[in-house]
Amino acid sequence: MEVKIGVQNAPREIVIESSQSADEVEGAVAKALEGDSKLLSLTDEHGRRILVPAERLAYVEIGEQAVRKVGFGAL
């Protein structure tokens, strides 16, 4: 699943491919914004952890992972 994170005062957004479900990502964002956690913590497909300070979050866009089409039948 593709997750885009906008950070205040940063010119570029953070884009990761995560193996977490949309509900898990939404729960992590909600927990960070409620103040239970000072950081938004997500894990990408390679096991790397991305940490963003909750007070600097501008937006989080949760999208579905695009299915890659391979071969001539994809045209």
Protein backbone atom coordinates (compact mmCIF):
# COMPACT_ATOMS: atom_id res chain seq x y z
CA MET A 1 0.00 0.00 0.00
CA GLU A 2 1.29 3.46 -0.87
CA VAL A 3 1.39 6.05 1.92
CA LYS A 4 2.24 9.71 1.30
CA ILE A 5 3.13 11.88 4.28
CA GLY A 6 3.27 15.66 4.09
CA VAL A 7 5.55 17.32 6.61
CA GLN A 8 5.25 20.99 7.57
CA ASN A 9 8.06 23.22 6.28
CA ALA A 10 9.42 20.42 4.07
CA PRO A 11 9.37 20.91 0.30
CA ARG A 12 8.82 17.23 -0.52
CA GLU A 13 6.46 14.60 0.77
CA ILE A 14 7.54 11.21 2.11
CA VAL A 15 6.30 8.32 -0.03
CA ILE A 16 6.59 4.74 1.20
CA GLU A 17 5.26 1.35 0.16
CA SER A 18 4.00 -0.31 3.31
CA SER A 19 2.84 -3.85 3.98
CA GLN A 20 0.55 -2.53 6.74
CA SER A 21 -3.19 -2.37 6.05
CA ALA A 22 -5.05 0.91 5.63
CA ASP A 23 -6.65 0.44 9.05
CA GLU A 24 -3.26 -0.07 10.71
CA VAL A 25 -1.86 3.08 9.10
CA GLU A 26 -4.97 5.07 10.04
CA GLY A 27 -4.73 3.80 13.61
CA ALA A 28 -1.06 4.80 13.86
CA VAL A 29 -1.85 8.30 12.56
CA ALA A 30 -4.79 8.71 14.95
CA LYS A 31 -2.68 7.52 17.90
CA ALA A 32 0.08 9.99 17.01
CA LEU A 33 -2.36 12.90 16.66
CA GLU A 34 -4.22 12.12 19.90
CA GLY A 35 -1.01 12.67 21.81
CA ASP A 36 -0.53 9.09 22.99
CA SER A 37 2.66 8.97 20.96
CA LYS A 38 4.86 11.90 19.95
CA LEU A 39 5.91 10.12 16.74
CA LEU A 40 4.14 8.59 13.76
CA SER A 41 5.90 5.28 13.20
CA LEU A 42 5.37 3.27 10.01
CA THR A 43 7.26 0.33 8.52
CA ASP A 44 7.92 -0.03 4.80
CA GLU A 45 8.03 -3.24 2.75
CA HIS A 46 11.76 -3.68 3.41
CA GLY A 47 11.36 -3.51 7.18
CA ARG A 48 12.71 0.04 7.54
CA ARG A 49 10.94 2.18 10.13
CA ILE A 50 9.92 5.75 9.25
CA LEU A 51 9.43 8.14 12.16
CA VAL A 52 7.78 11.55 11.77
CA PRO A 53 7.11 13.95 14.67
CA ALA A 54 3.32 14.12 15.13
CA GLU A 55 3.37 17.89 15.59
CA ARG A 56 4.90 18.32 12.10
CA LEU A 57 2.34 16.25 10.18
CA ALA A 58 0.57 18.21 7.44
CA TYR A 59 -1.35 15.32 5.85
CA VAL A 60 -1.28 11.57 5.36
CA GLU A 61 -2.64 10.07 2.13
CA ILE A 62 -3.40 6.35 2.21
CA GLY A 63 -3.80 4.71 -1.19
CA GLU A 64 -4.19 1.22 -2.53
CA GLN A 65 -1.18 -0.53 -3.93
CA ALA A 66 -1.25 -0.47 -7.72
CA VAL A 67 -1.24 -3.91 -9.33
CA ARG A 68 1.56 -4.07 -11.86
CA LYS A 69 0.51 -5.39 -15.22
CA VAL A 70 3.04 -7.51 -17.05
CA GLY A 71 3.02 -8.84 -20.58
CA PHE A 72 1.10 -8.10 -23.74
CA GLY A 73 -2.28 -8.93 -22.17
CA ALA A 74 -2.00 -5.78 -20.08
CA LEU A 75 -2.54 -3.48 -23.05
